[in-house]
Amino acid sequence: MKLASYSYQNKPSFGLVTDHGIIDIPKRLGESYLDLRSYLASSNYAEADKWLAQGTVDYSLEEITFLPVIPNPDKIFCIGLNYDEHRIEANRDKSANPTVFFRVANSQIGHLAPMLLPKESKNLDFEGEIAVIIGRKGRRIAEEDAYSYVAGYACYNDGSIRDWQNHTHQWGPGKNFEGTGAFGPWMVTRDEIGDGEILTLETRLNGEVMQHATTDMLLFPIPTLISYVSSFTTLEPGDVIVTGTPGGIGMKRNPPVYMKAGDVVEIEVSRVGVLRNTIVAE
C-alpha cells in the first residue's frame, strides 16, 4: 500500500493513496493516531486492506497538499558516498564504514512543493536517493534481521547548497537549508517490495536524465546501514535513512550544473513513484 502525509484545507493528516484519490485514515480511526509516524508505530494495518477493497476515497489528489512523507521524524540519517561512481567523482577513498550525516525536519518539503534556492547561494544541487522509513523500535539490529524493521520506501532529493556544504569538512549547513530536501510523494510499504529486490533510481532535471543507478550498486546495502546506525542509537518508528546518491551530481559536471529558478527536478524510484519539485528563488 501507499501511505502519505498531506494537508487538506490547511489541516495536516495522513492516509492511503489510491488511483482514485486519498483514503483519510483519521476519519476512520478518529484521534487514535496523530500522524503517520504514530500510525507506523502501531502497526495497525489490518483494516487498511478493507478500506482499499471498498474503494471509497475522501479527497482527490488535486484537493490535498503533499507534506514530507514523515513530517516530524525523530531522526533523519543521510548516507554519503554510497555509490562507487559518486565516491570516485568526489575524489574520496573507500571507507570501511558508512559516511553518516544528519538532516533536520524543517529542511524537508513534500511532493510538488517549491524547492527553495536561498538568497545566500546559487549552488543548489540535486541528489536523487532512496529513503528507508523505519517501522519499529530497535537497537543493535543484526543485518539478517534488518528488513523486519523497515516500514517502507520513498523517493528523496537530498538538495545540497554546495558552497555552504564545503565551508568546512562538516557538511551540515549545506544539507539543511530550509526547503531543500524533498521527500515523497508517498511511502510504499515493505510488503509491496521484496527484501533485497533491486530498485532503479533516476534523477531528471527538466526532463534530462542526470543520474541513473540500481540498488545492487550500493557500497553499503540497506541491511548494513540499518545495523550500523542502530549500533550507536536506537531507531524509532518514523526514523528515516536516506541511502545515498549515485554519480552525476551537478557540481562535478563540466561545466557544473546547478538548479535555477523555474527548473523542474524529478526523482523516480521503480516500484515507488516519482517525486517532482520546481525550483523557486527565495
C-alpha atoms as a PDB file:
ATOM      1  CA  MET A   1       0.000   0.000   0.000  1.00  0.00           C
ATOM      2  CA  LYS A   2       0.972   3.643  -0.383  1.00  0.00           C
ATOM      3  CA  LEU A   3       0.868   5.922   2.659  1.00  0.00           C
ATOM      4  CA  ALA A   4       1.206   9.696   2.503  1.00  0.00           C
ATOM      5  CA  SER A   5       1.175  12.725   4.763  1.00  0.00           C
ATOM      6  CA  TYR A   6      -0.680  15.774   3.468  1.00  0.00           C
ATOM      7  CA  SER A   7      -2.797  18.721   4.417  1.00  0.00           C
ATOM      8  CA  TYR A   8      -6.431  19.232   3.468  1.00  0.00           C
ATOM      9  CA  GLN A   9      -7.845  22.728   3.895  1.00  0.00           C
ATOM     10  CA  ASN A  10      -4.709  23.593   5.900  1.00  0.00           C
ATOM     11  CA  LYS A  11      -5.221  20.719   8.341  1.00  0.00           C
ATOM     12  CA  PRO A  12      -2.461  18.070   8.399  1.00  0.00           C
ATOM     13  CA  SER A  13      -3.483  14.447   8.030  1.00  0.00           C
ATOM     14  CA  PHE A  14      -2.341  11.160   6.513  1.00  0.00           C
ATOM     15  CA  GLY A  15      -3.860   8.318   4.580  1.00  0.00           C
ATOM     16  CA  LEU A  16      -3.802   5.728   1.851  1.00  0.00           C
ATOM     17  CA  VAL A  17      -3.085   6.731  -1.718  1.00  0.00           C
ATOM     18  CA  THR A  18      -5.107   5.012  -4.451  1.00  0.00           C
ATOM     19  CA  ASP A  19      -5.522   5.523  -8.186  1.00  0.00           C
ATOM     20  CA  HIS A  20      -8.771   7.356  -7.430  1.00  0.00           C
ATOM     21  CA  GLY A  21      -7.672   9.550  -4.538  1.00  0.00           C
ATOM     22  CA  ILE A  22      -6.948   9.598  -0.820  1.00  0.00           C
ATOM     23  CA  ILE A  23      -8.477   7.451   1.924  1.00  0.00           C
ATOM     24  CA  ASP A  24      -8.110   9.550   5.063  1.00  0.00           C
ATOM     25  CA  ILE A  25      -7.134   7.294   7.983  1.00  0.00           C
ATOM     26  CA  PRO A  26      -8.010   9.642  10.890  1.00  0.00           C
ATOM     27  CA  LYS A  27     -11.557   9.882   9.507  1.00  0.00           C
ATOM     28  CA  ARG A  28     -11.876   6.154  10.088  1.00  0.00           C
ATOM     29  CA  LEU A  29      -9.887   5.780  13.293  1.00  0.00           C
ATOM     30  CA  GLY A  30     -10.690   9.082  14.980  1.00  0.00           C
ATOM     31  CA  GLU A  31      -7.928  10.636  17.041  1.00  0.00           C
ATOM     32  CA  SER A  32      -6.196   7.323  17.755  1.00  0.00           C
ATOM     33  CA  TYR A  33      -3.153   8.416  15.755  1.00  0.00           C
ATOM     34  CA  LEU A  34      -1.985  11.975  15.368  1.00  0.00           C
ATOM     35  CA  ASP A  35       0.211  11.424  12.323  1.00  0.00           C
ATOM     36  CA  LEU A  36       1.746   8.814  10.038  1.00  0.00           C
ATOM     37  CA  ARG A  37       4.672   8.353  12.396  1.00  0.00           C
ATOM     38  CA  SER A  38       2.384   7.224  15.233  1.00  0.00           C
ATOM     39  CA  TYR A  39       0.376   5.061  12.832  1.00  0.00           C
ATOM     40  CA  LEU A  40       3.553   3.243  11.777  1.00  0.00           C
ATOM     41  CA  ALA A  41       4.434   2.670  15.422  1.00  0.00           C
ATOM     42  CA  SER A  42       1.073   0.958  15.956  1.00  0.00           C
ATOM     43  CA  SER A  43       1.494  -1.481  13.038  1.00  0.00           C
ATOM     44  CA  ASN A  44      -2.299  -1.341  12.889  1.00  0.00           C
ATOM     45  CA  TYR A  45      -2.681  -2.056   9.181  1.00  0.00           C
ATOM     46  CA  ALA A  46      -5.351  -4.744   9.466  1.00  0.00           C
ATOM     47  CA  GLU A  47      -8.252  -2.563   8.344  1.00  0.00           C
ATOM     48  CA  ALA A  48      -6.345  -0.796   5.578  1.00  0.00           C
ATOM     49  CA  ASP A  49      -6.893  -3.630   3.114  1.00  0.00           C
ATOM     50  CA  LYS A  50     -10.647  -3.451   3.786  1.00  0.00           C
ATOM     51  CA  TRP A  51     -10.698   0.288   3.095  1.00  0.00           C
ATOM     52  CA  LEU A  52      -8.749  -0.260  -0.116  1.00  0.00           C
ATOM     53  CA  ALA A  53     -11.157  -3.013  -1.207  1.00  0.00           C
ATOM     54  CA  GLN A  54     -14.156  -0.769  -0.538  1.00  0.00           C
ATOM     55  CA  GLY A  55     -12.608   1.864  -2.786  1.00  0.00           C
ATOM     56  CA  THR A  56     -14.299   4.873  -1.187  1.00  0.00           C
ATOM     57  CA  VAL A  57     -11.977   7.881  -1.225  1.00  0.00           C
ATOM     58  CA  ASP A  58     -12.260  11.101   0.768  1.00  0.00           C
ATOM     59  CA  TYR A  59     -10.237  13.500  -1.376  1.00  0.00           C
ATOM     60  CA  SER A  60      -8.842  13.657  -4.862  1.00  0.00           C
ATOM     61  CA  LEU A  61      -5.105  14.100  -5.213  1.00  0.00           C
ATOM     62  CA  GLU A  62      -5.777  17.608  -6.525  1.00  0.00           C
ATOM     63  CA  GLU A  63      -7.502  18.588  -3.270  1.00  0.00           C
ATOM     64  CA  ILE A  64      -4.592  17.813  -0.976  1.00  0.00           C
ATOM     65  CA  THR A  65      -1.133  19.319  -0.485  1.00  0.00           C
ATOM     66  CA  PHE A  66       1.580  16.723  -0.056  1.00  0.00           C
ATOM     67  CA  LEU A  67       3.791  17.016   3.026  1.00  0.00           C
ATOM     68  CA  PRO A  68       7.091  15.190   3.561  1.00  0.00           C
ATOM     69  CA  VAL A  69       6.237  11.510   3.994  1.00  0.00           C
ATOM     70  CA  ILE A  70       7.182  11.747   7.670  1.00  0.00           C
ATOM     71  CA  PRO A  71       6.837  15.450   8.546  1.00  0.00           C
ATOM     72  CA  ASN A  72       8.156  15.028  12.091  1.00  0.00           C
ATOM     73  CA  PRO A  73      10.786  12.267  12.168  1.00  0.00           C
ATOM     74  CA  ASP A  74      12.777  11.870  15.348  1.00  0.00           C
ATOM     75  CA  LYS A  75      15.927  11.301  13.278  1.00  0.00           C
ATOM     76  CA  ILE A  76      16.975  11.678   9.629  1.00  0.00           C
ATOM     77  CA  PHE A  77      20.197   9.848   8.765  1.00  0.00           C
ATOM     78  CA  CYS A  78      21.782  10.604   5.399  1.00  0.00           C
ATOM     79  CA  ILE A  79      24.436   8.343   3.904  1.00  0.00           C
ATOM     80  CA  GLY A  80      27.196   9.884   1.830  1.00  0.00           C
ATOM     81  CA  LEU A  81      29.390   8.375  -0.886  1.00  0.00           C
ATOM     82  CA  ASN A  82      27.417   5.124  -1.042  1.00  0.00           C
ATOM     83  CA  TYR A  83      27.747   4.547  -4.813  1.00  0.00           C
ATOM     84  CA  ASP A  84      31.227   3.974  -6.195  1.00  0.00           C
ATOM     85  CA  GLU A  85      30.705   6.301  -9.172  1.00  0.00           C
ATOM     86  CA  HIS A  86      29.854   9.144  -6.797  1.00  0.00           C
ATOM     87  CA  ARG A  87      32.745   8.284  -4.469  1.00  0.00           C
ATOM     88  CA  ILE A  88      35.117   8.469  -7.435  1.00  0.00           C
ATOM     89  CA  GLU A  89      33.749  11.767  -8.774  1.00  0.00           C
ATOM     90  CA  ALA A  90      34.035  13.188  -5.233  1.00  0.00           C
ATOM     91  CA  ASN A  91      37.687  12.023  -5.138  1.00  0.00           C
ATOM     92  CA  ARG A  92      37.224  10.180  -1.856  1.00  0.00           C
ATOM     93  CA  ASP A  93      38.938   6.993  -0.703  1.00  0.00           C
ATOM     94  CA  LYS A  94      36.968   3.841   0.028  1.00  0.00           C
ATOM     95  CA  SER A  95      35.779   3.631   3.620  1.00  0.00           C
ATOM     96  CA  ALA A  96      35.351   0.610   5.855  1.00  0.00           C
ATOM     97  CA  ASN A  97      32.170   2.129   7.314  1.00  0.00           C
ATOM     98  CA  PRO A  98      29.285   4.238   6.020  1.00  0.00           C
ATOM     99  CA  THR A  99      29.566   8.033   5.955  1.00  0.00           C
ATOM    100  CA  VAL A 100      26.671   9.392   8.028  1.00  0.00           C
ATOM    101  CA  PHE A 101      25.389  12.948   8.360  1.00  0.00           C
ATOM    102  CA  PHE A 102      22.075  14.374   9.532  1.00  0.00           C
ATOM    103  CA  ARG A 103      19.193  16.453   8.256  1.00  0.00           C
ATOM    104  CA  VAL A 104      16.691  18.411  10.318  1.00  0.00           C
ATOM    105  CA  ALA A 105      12.971  18.066   9.737  1.00  0.00           C
ATOM    106  CA  ASN A 106      12.310  21.671   8.719  1.00  0.00           C
ATOM    107  CA  SER A 107      14.721  21.345   5.788  1.00  0.00           C
ATOM    108  CA  GLN A 108      12.220  18.984   4.129  1.00  0.00           C
ATOM    109  CA  ILE A 109       9.373  19.592   1.691  1.00  0.00           C
ATOM    110  CA  GLY A 110       6.798  17.360   0.081  1.00  0.00           C
ATOM    111  CA  HIS A 111       5.953  16.337  -3.476  1.00  0.00           C
ATOM    112  CA  LEU A 112       5.128  19.321  -5.742  1.00  0.00           C
ATOM    113  CA  ALA A 113       6.196  21.844  -3.077  1.00  0.00           C
ATOM    114  CA  PRO A 114       8.666  24.535  -4.178  1.00  0.00           C
ATOM    115  CA  MET A 115      12.306  23.668  -3.611  1.00  0.00           C
ATOM    116  CA  LEU A 116      13.928  26.876  -2.414  1.00  0.00           C
ATOM    117  CA  LEU A 117      17.013  28.427  -3.941  1.00  0.00           C
ATOM    118  CA  PRO A 118      18.200  30.515  -0.982  1.00  0.00           C
ATOM    119  CA  LYS A 119      19.368  34.116  -1.127  1.00  0.00           C
ATOM    120  CA  GLU A 120      22.769  33.059   0.175  1.00  0.00           C
ATOM    121  CA  SER A 121      23.794  30.886  -2.786  1.00  0.00           C
ATOM    122  CA  LYS A 122      23.338  29.920  -6.435  1.00  0.00           C
ATOM    123  CA  ASN A 123      24.807  26.450  -5.911  1.00  0.00           C
ATOM    124  CA  LEU A 124      21.678  24.318  -5.343  1.00  0.00           C
ATOM    125  CA  ASP A 125      22.459  20.783  -6.484  1.00  0.00           C
ATOM    126  CA  PHE A 126      20.296  17.664  -6.867  1.00  0.00           C
ATOM    127  CA  GLU A 127      20.899  14.305  -5.212  1.00  0.00           C
ATOM    128  CA  GLY A 128      18.406  11.592  -6.051  1.00  0.00           C
ATOM    129  CA  GLU A 129      18.167   8.939  -3.345  1.00  0.00           C
ATOM    130  CA  ILE A 130      16.018   6.170  -1.888  1.00  0.00           C
ATOM    131  CA  ALA A 131      14.692   6.708   1.630  1.00  0.00           C
ATOM    132  CA  VAL A 132      14.062   3.848   4.039  1.00  0.00           C
ATOM    133  CA  ILE A 133      11.386   4.509   6.673  1.00  0.00           C
ATOM    134  CA  ILE A 134      11.746   2.579   9.926  1.00  0.00           C
ATOM    135  CA  GLY A 135       8.663   0.817  11.259  1.00  0.00           C
ATOM    136  CA  ARG A 136       9.607  -0.428  14.711  1.00  0.00           C
ATOM    137  CA  LYS A 137      11.962   0.344  17.544  1.00  0.00           C
ATOM    138  CA  GLY A 138      15.329  -1.371  17.626  1.00  0.00           C
ATOM    139  CA  ARG A 139      18.905  -1.135  18.845  1.00  0.00           C
ATOM    140  CA  ARG A 140      21.949  -3.130  17.703  1.00  0.00           C
ATOM    141  CA  ILE A 141      19.982  -4.767  14.916  1.00  0.00           C
ATOM    142  CA  ALA A 142      21.667  -7.682  13.171  1.00  0.00           C
ATOM    143  CA  GLU A 143      21.910  -7.386   9.385  1.00  0.00           C
ATOM    144  CA  GLU A 144      19.938 -10.603   8.915  1.00  0.00           C
ATOM    145  CA  ASP A 145      17.040  -9.077  10.882  1.00  0.00           C
ATOM    146  CA  ALA A 146      17.227  -5.586   9.395  1.00  0.00           C
ATOM    147  CA  TYR A 147      14.408  -5.795   6.844  1.00  0.00           C
ATOM    148  CA  SER A 148      11.908  -6.654   9.584  1.00  0.00           C
ATOM    149  CA  TYR A 149      12.429  -3.115  10.906  1.00  0.00           C
ATOM    150  CA  VAL A 150      11.544  -1.475   7.576  1.00  0.00           C
ATOM    151  CA  ALA A 151       8.107   0.101   7.201  1.00  0.00           C
ATOM    152  CA  GLY A 152       8.621   1.153   3.596  1.00  0.00           C
ATOM    153  CA  TYR A 153      10.440   3.142   0.957  1.00  0.00           C
ATOM    154  CA  ALA A 154      10.159   6.573  -0.648  1.00  0.00           C
ATOM    155  CA  CYS A 155      11.928   8.895  -3.078  1.00  0.00           C
ATOM    156  CA  TYR A 156      14.233  11.574  -1.693  1.00  0.00           C
ATOM    157  CA  ASN A 157      16.079  14.567  -3.134  1.00  0.00           C
ATOM    158  CA  ASP A 158      18.915  15.496  -0.802  1.00  0.00           C
ATOM    159  CA  GLY A 159      19.159  19.005  -2.274  1.00  0.00           C
ATOM    160  CA  SER A 160      22.534  20.478  -1.346  1.00  0.00           C
ATOM    161  CA  ILE A 161      23.867  24.028  -1.198  1.00  0.00           C
ATOM    162  CA  ARG A 162      27.345  23.100  -2.349  1.00  0.00           C
ATOM    163  CA  ASP A 163      29.329  26.194  -1.402  1.00  0.00           C
ATOM    164  CA  TRP A 164      27.932  26.044   2.142  1.00  0.00           C
ATOM    165  CA  GLN A 165      28.490  22.286   2.264  1.00  0.00           C
ATOM    166  CA  ASN A 166      32.155  22.899   1.512  1.00  0.00           C
ATOM    167  CA  HIS A 167      32.756  25.698   4.012  1.00  0.00           C
ATOM    168  CA  THR A 168      34.409  23.082   6.251  1.00  0.00           C
ATOM    169  CA  HIS A 169      34.757  19.306   6.417  1.00  0.00           C
ATOM    170  CA  GLN A 170      31.386  19.190   8.218  1.00  0.00           C
ATOM    171  CA  TRP A 171      28.545  19.087   5.670  1.00  0.00           C
ATOM    172  CA  GLY A 172      25.667  20.120   7.953  1.00  0.00           C
ATOM    173  CA  PRO A 173      24.969  23.709   6.823  1.00  0.00           C
ATOM    174  CA  GLY A 174      24.846  22.881   3.115  1.00  0.00           C
ATOM    175  CA  LYS A 175      22.483  19.980   3.758  1.00  0.00           C
ATOM    176  CA  ASN A 176      19.970  21.806   5.929  1.00  0.00           C
ATOM    177  CA  PHE A 177      18.825  24.978   4.234  1.00  0.00           C
ATOM    178  CA  GLU A 178      15.054  25.238   4.616  1.00  0.00           C
ATOM    179  CA  GLY A 179      13.018  23.850   1.761  1.00  0.00           C
ATOM    180  CA  THR A 180      15.834  21.950   0.050  1.00  0.00           C
ATOM    181  CA  GLY A 181      15.211  18.303   0.991  1.00  0.00           C
ATOM    182  CA  ALA A 182      12.276  16.781  -0.900  1.00  0.00           C
ATOM    183  CA  PHE A 183      10.676  13.606   0.493  1.00  0.00           C
ATOM    184  CA  GLY A 184       7.775  11.882  -1.198  1.00  0.00           C
ATOM    185  CA  PRO A 185       5.368  11.648  -2.801  1.00  0.00           C
ATOM    186  CA  TRP A 186       4.411   8.732  -0.536  1.00  0.00           C
ATOM    187  CA  MET A 187       5.936   5.630   1.002  1.00  0.00           C
ATOM    188  CA  VAL A 188       5.350   2.171  -0.413  1.00  0.00           C
ATOM    189  CA  THR A 189       5.113  -0.398   2.350  1.00  0.00           C
ATOM    190  CA  ARG A 190       7.644  -3.194   2.674  1.00  0.00           C
ATOM    191  CA  ASP A 191       5.162  -5.915   1.723  1.00  0.00           C
ATOM    192  CA  GLU A 192       4.947  -4.440  -1.800  1.00  0.00           C
ATOM    193  CA  ILE A 193       8.699  -4.720  -2.456  1.00  0.00           C
ATOM    194  CA  GLY A 194      10.722  -7.866  -1.890  1.00  0.00           C
ATOM    195  CA  ASP A 195      13.519  -7.718   0.663  1.00  0.00           C
ATOM    196  CA  GLY A 196      16.683  -7.070  -1.305  1.00  0.00           C
ATOM    197  CA  GLU A 197      14.783  -6.508  -4.550  1.00  0.00           C
ATOM    198  CA  ILE A 198      16.839  -4.423  -6.978  1.00  0.00           C
ATOM    199  CA  LEU A 199      15.301  -0.975  -7.429  1.00  0.00           C
ATOM    200  CA  THR A 200      16.171   1.589 -10.075  1.00  0.00           C
ATOM    201  CA  LEU A 201      16.870   5.200  -9.124  1.00  0.00           C
ATOM    202  CA  GLU A 202      16.813   8.036 -11.658  1.00  0.00           C
ATOM    203  CA  THR A 203      17.163  11.824 -11.390  1.00  0.00           C
ATOM    204  CA  ARG A 204      15.884  14.079 -14.168  1.00  0.00           C
ATOM    205  CA  LEU A 205      16.383  17.828 -14.495  1.00  0.00           C
ATOM    206  CA  ASN A 206      13.980  19.465 -16.945  1.00  0.00           C
ATOM    207  CA  GLY A 207      13.417  16.027 -18.449  1.00  0.00           C
ATOM    208  CA  GLU A 208      17.118  15.207 -18.951  1.00  0.00           C
ATOM    209  CA  VAL A 209      18.491  12.159 -17.135  1.00  0.00           C
ATOM    210  CA  MET A 210      21.259  13.282 -14.774  1.00  0.00           C
ATOM    211  CA  GLN A 211      21.652  10.224 -12.529  1.00  0.00           C
ATOM    212  CA  HIS A 212      20.785   6.557 -13.026  1.00  0.00           C
ATOM    213  CA  ALA A 213      21.662   3.627 -10.776  1.00  0.00           C
ATOM    214  CA  THR A 214      20.351   0.439  -9.220  1.00  0.00           C
ATOM    215  CA  THR A 215      20.428  -0.604  -5.589  1.00  0.00           C
ATOM    216  CA  ASP A 216      22.768  -3.524  -6.249  1.00  0.00           C
ATOM    217  CA  MET A 217      25.393  -0.795  -6.778  1.00  0.00           C
ATOM    218  CA  LEU A 218      25.179   0.406  -3.161  1.00  0.00           C
ATOM    219  CA  LEU A 219      28.522   0.068  -1.396  1.00  0.00           C
ATOM    220  CA  PHE A 220      26.711  -0.397   1.919  1.00  0.00           C
ATOM    221  CA  PRO A 221      23.330  -2.082   1.311  1.00  0.00           C
ATOM    222  CA  ILE A 222      20.216  -1.327   3.315  1.00  0.00           C
ATOM    223  CA  PRO A 223      20.659  -4.079   5.962  1.00  0.00           C
ATOM    224  CA  THR A 224      24.218  -2.878   6.613  1.00  0.00           C
ATOM    225  CA  LEU A 225      23.036   0.710   7.037  1.00  0.00           C
ATOM    226  CA  ILE A 226      20.284  -0.266   9.474  1.00  0.00           C
ATOM    227  CA  SER A 227      22.672  -2.400  11.505  1.00  0.00           C
ATOM    228  CA  TYR A 228      25.374   0.272  11.558  1.00  0.00           C
ATOM    229  CA  VAL A 229      23.110   3.174  12.524  1.00  0.00           C
ATOM    230  CA  SER A 230      21.326   1.138  15.189  1.00  0.00           C
ATOM    231  CA  SER A 231      24.689   0.342  16.753  1.00  0.00           C
ATOM    232  CA  PHE A 232      25.091   3.915  18.025  1.00  0.00           C
ATOM    233  CA  THR A 233      21.454   4.954  18.505  1.00  0.00           C
ATOM    234  CA  THR A 234      18.004   3.448  18.951  1.00  0.00           C
ATOM    235  CA  LEU A 235      15.936   3.517  15.782  1.00  0.00           C
ATOM    236  CA  GLU A 236      12.343   4.613  16.283  1.00  0.00           C
ATOM    237  CA  PRO A 237       9.256   4.266  14.075  1.00  0.00           C
ATOM    238  CA  GLY A 238       9.273   7.080  11.542  1.00  0.00           C
ATOM    239  CA  ASP A 239      13.053   7.488  11.536  1.00  0.00           C
ATOM    240  CA  VAL A 240      14.460   7.873   8.032  1.00  0.00           C
ATOM    241  CA  ILE A 241      17.650   6.536   6.474  1.00  0.00           C
ATOM    242  CA  VAL A 242      18.455   8.220   3.146  1.00  0.00           C
ATOM    243  CA  THR A 243      20.679   5.712   1.416  1.00  0.00           C
ATOM    244  CA  GLY A 244      22.982   7.833  -0.764  1.00  0.00           C
ATOM    245  CA  THR A 245      23.184   9.350  -4.236  1.00  0.00           C
ATOM    246  CA  PRO A 246      24.832   7.914  -7.355  1.00  0.00           C
ATOM    247  CA  GLY A 247      27.288   9.665  -9.658  1.00  0.00           C
ATOM    248  CA  GLY A 248      26.274  12.519 -11.915  1.00  0.00           C
ATOM    249  CA  ILE A 249      25.711  15.326  -9.401  1.00  0.00           C
ATOM    250  CA  GLY A 250      25.677  18.832 -10.854  1.00  0.00           C
ATOM    251  CA  MET A 251      28.746  20.090  -9.009  1.00  0.00           C
ATOM    252  CA  LYS A 252      31.016  17.511 -10.657  1.00  0.00           C
ATOM    253  CA  ARG A 253      29.874  18.160 -14.234  1.00  0.00           C
ATOM    254  CA  ASN A 254      31.930  20.244 -16.653  1.00  0.00           C
ATOM    255  CA  PRO A 255      30.694  22.908 -16.551  1.00  0.00           C
ATOM    256  CA  PRO A 256      28.811  22.494 -13.240  1.00  0.00           C
ATOM    257  CA  VAL A 257      25.024  22.229 -13.499  1.00  0.00           C
ATOM    258  CA  TYR A 258      23.183  23.863 -10.606  1.00  0.00           C
ATOM    259  CA  MET A 259      19.417  24.153 -10.340  1.00  0.00           C
ATOM    260  CA  LYS A 260      17.917  27.564 -11.011  1.00  0.00           C
ATOM    261  CA  ALA A 261      14.507  29.164 -10.596  1.00  0.00           C
ATOM    262  CA  GLY A 262      11.951  27.537 -12.870  1.00  0.00           C
ATOM    263  CA  ASP A 263      13.773  24.219 -13.201  1.00  0.00           C
ATOM    264  CA  VAL A 264      11.823  21.022 -12.572  1.00  0.00           C
ATOM    265  CA  VAL A 265      13.604  18.155 -10.846  1.00  0.00           C
ATOM    266  CA  GLU A 266      12.220  14.617 -10.673  1.00  0.00           C
ATOM    267  CA  ILE A 267      13.409  11.633  -8.658  1.00  0.00           C
ATOM    268  CA  GLU A 268      11.974   8.303  -9.793  1.00  0.00           C
ATOM    269  CA  VAL A 269      12.331   5.031  -7.906  1.00  0.00           C
ATOM    270  CA  SER A 270      10.961   1.894  -9.524  1.00  0.00           C
ATOM    271  CA  ARG A 271       8.016   0.324  -7.675  1.00  0.00           C
ATOM    272  CA  VAL A 272       7.663   3.559  -5.660  1.00  0.00           C
ATOM    273  CA  GLY A 273       6.856   6.554  -7.859  1.00  0.00           C
ATOM    274  CA  VAL A 274       8.063   9.976  -8.986  1.00  0.00           C
ATOM    275  CA  LEU A 275       8.907  12.893  -6.683  1.00  0.00           C
ATOM    276  CA  ARG A 276       8.624  16.205  -8.533  1.00  0.00           C
ATOM    277  CA  ASN A 277       9.549  19.725  -7.413  1.00  0.00           C
ATOM    278  CA  THR A 278      10.004  23.083  -9.106  1.00  0.00           C
ATOM    279  CA  ILE A 279      12.855  25.384  -8.082  1.00  0.00           C
ATOM    280  CA  VAL A 280      11.772  28.760  -6.732  1.00  0.00           C
ATOM    281  CA  ALA A 281      14.101  31.596  -5.751  1.00  0.00           C
ATOM    282  CA  GLU A 282      13.608  32.551  -2.109  1.00  0.00           C
END
